[in-house]
Amino acid sequence: MAQYRVLIDANDEKGLVHKISSIFYNHDLNILSNSEFVDKESNKFFMRSVVDGDVRKEELSSEIIAALPQDSGVKVIEPKKKNIIIMATKEMHALGDILIRHEAGELEANILAVISNYDDLESLVSKFGVNYITLSHEGLERSEHESKIIETINSFEDVDYIVLAKYMRILTPRFVAAFEDKIMNIHHSFLPAFIGANPYKQAYDRGVKIIGATAHFVNNNLDEGPIIAQEVIHVNHAYGWRDMQRSGKDVEKVVLSRALKLALEDRIFVYANRTVIF
């Protein structure tokens, strides 16, 4: 008996849930969990089901597609650990949190490697027995450096996600296109506010009362990709911008790990630069 995660997005119409659940029933599948959402403005239907039973996933997928409106998306996924590569620069809080959660068995992932443009984090990563690869950018054009990173990532088979755990270099459209919908980033701000460099100084200068962090998928617009997870904490007039920065790091690491966990569990639908998350 196998377990499957069934992810469906389609143009909404009456009877979709009945059609899909009937297919599950006809295959004697047990529905372990089920979530649905309809975006009425775009007339889009989303559904995530977890089922178990004896069925070939190709057969199940074909039957569901045949029952749905044209151009529907259907994925039937067997739960298993996904392969991830983490990219970092010098800050260790976000990277360290992922490594600890992975060591504790909280993440359905195989960490294939940590790639950095410095060797500062190698001693931390080595404590967890994870492969650490330093690809220095010094003396290289950006395109040359990115070519080395792309080549290194492509040397691993079946990379599901690339996690930017405070990787502090802007990625070019070429890099983003090479790993479309696979790159996850943590931004040290409650987007869309305070985009770019030193957001905590920007927040301090503006006198904000909350600060936060945003995990999002990367696209070609800086810090404007589909948002996966966000969190905020309250601050007051007694906080300098460095105090905000220290508090913000705690939020950043939690939000990034939360977003990664959602992706690993196939809980995210991306459409129209937005996300639906079950």
Foldseek 3Di string as FASTA:
>chain_A
DFKKKKKKKAQDDPPLVVQLVVLCVVQVKDWPDKDWDADVVRNMIIMITMIDDDDDVVVSQVSSCVVGDPPMDIDIGGAAAAEEEEEAEADCLQVLLLLVCVVVVNARYDHAEYEYLDCNCVVVVVVSVHHYHHQHCPPHDPVVSLVVVLVVVVVDPRHQAYEYRHHPDDDAQVSCVSQPPRYKYKDLFQPPPQFDPLSLQVCLVVQDFKTKMWMAGDHRPGPQAATQFMDIDTDHNVDDSVNVVVVSSVRRNVGSSVSNRQVSVVQWDDDPRYIDGD
